C-alpha cells in the first residue's frame, strides 16, 4: 500500500517530519519495484537516515 499526503506507516510515527517524508518516498519507490511492504518500510527508514547522515 503506497503512502501519500501525511499517511505513513506506524513505524515512522516518532520520526522527524523531514526524515519521515524521505522514508515514505523511498518506501513507495521500493513498493513499485515489487518489494514486500515490511521490507520497504524498514529499508525506507534506513536509507532515509543514511541520506541525511551523508548530508552532514
Protein backbone atom coordinates (compact mmCIF):
# COMPACT_ATOMS: atom_id res chain seq x y z
CA UNK A 1 0.00 0.00 0.00
CA UNK A 2 1.65 3.25 -1.05
CA UNK A 3 1.62 6.17 1.39
CA UNK A 4 0.71 9.76 0.49
CA UNK A 5 -0.38 13.09 2.00
CA UNK A 6 0.54 12.55 5.62
CA UNK A 7 -0.37 8.88 5.57
CA UNK A 8 2.64 6.86 6.68
CA UNK A 9 3.47 3.54 8.36
CA UNK A 10 3.17 3.42 12.16
CA UNK A 11 6.91 2.67 12.37
CA UNK A 12 7.55 6.22 11.12
CA UNK A 13 5.31 7.85 13.75
CA UNK A 14 8.05 9.18 16.05
CA UNK A 15 10.45 10.25 13.31
CA UNK A 16 11.07 13.91 12.44
CA UNK A 17 8.90 15.09 9.55
CA UNK A 18 11.82 15.59 7.14
CA UNK A 19 13.06 12.04 7.78
CA UNK A 20 9.57 10.56 7.58
CA UNK A 21 8.89 12.22 4.22
CA UNK A 22 12.14 10.91 2.73
CA UNK A 23 11.49 7.42 4.14
CA UNK A 24 8.00 7.38 2.61
CA UNK A 25 9.43 8.47 -0.75
CA UNK A 26 11.98 5.65 -0.66
CA UNK A 27 9.49 3.04 0.60
CA UNK A 28 6.99 3.94 -2.14
CA UNK A 29 9.70 3.53 -4.78
CA UNK A 30 10.56 0.12 -3.36
CA UNK A 31 6.91 -0.94 -3.42
CA UNK A 32 6.73 -0.04 -7.11
CA UNK A 33 9.70 -2.37 -7.66
CA UNK A 34 7.76 -5.21 -6.02
CA UNK A 35 9.46 -5.27 -2.62
CA UNK A 36 7.31 -6.56 0.26
CA UNK A 37 5.68 -3.87 2.39
CA UNK A 38 7.53 -4.73 5.62
CA UNK A 39 10.90 -4.72 3.87
CA UNK A 40 10.06 -1.46 2.09
CA UNK A 41 9.18 0.22 5.40
CA UNK A 42 12.38 -0.85 7.14
CA UNK A 43 14.60 -0.13 4.14
CA UNK A 44 12.97 3.26 3.55
CA UNK A 45 13.73 4.36 7.09
CA UNK A 46 17.28 3.03 7.00
CA UNK A 47 18.09 4.68 3.67
CA UNK A 48 16.50 7.97 4.73
CA UNK A 49 18.71 8.03 7.83
CA UNK A 50 21.75 7.27 5.68
CA UNK A 51 20.77 10.05 3.25
CA UNK A 52 20.63 12.66 6.00
CA UNK A 53 23.78 11.36 7.73
CA UNK A 54 25.66 11.92 4.46
CA UNK A 55 24.31 15.48 4.28
CA UNK A 56 26.07 16.49 7.50
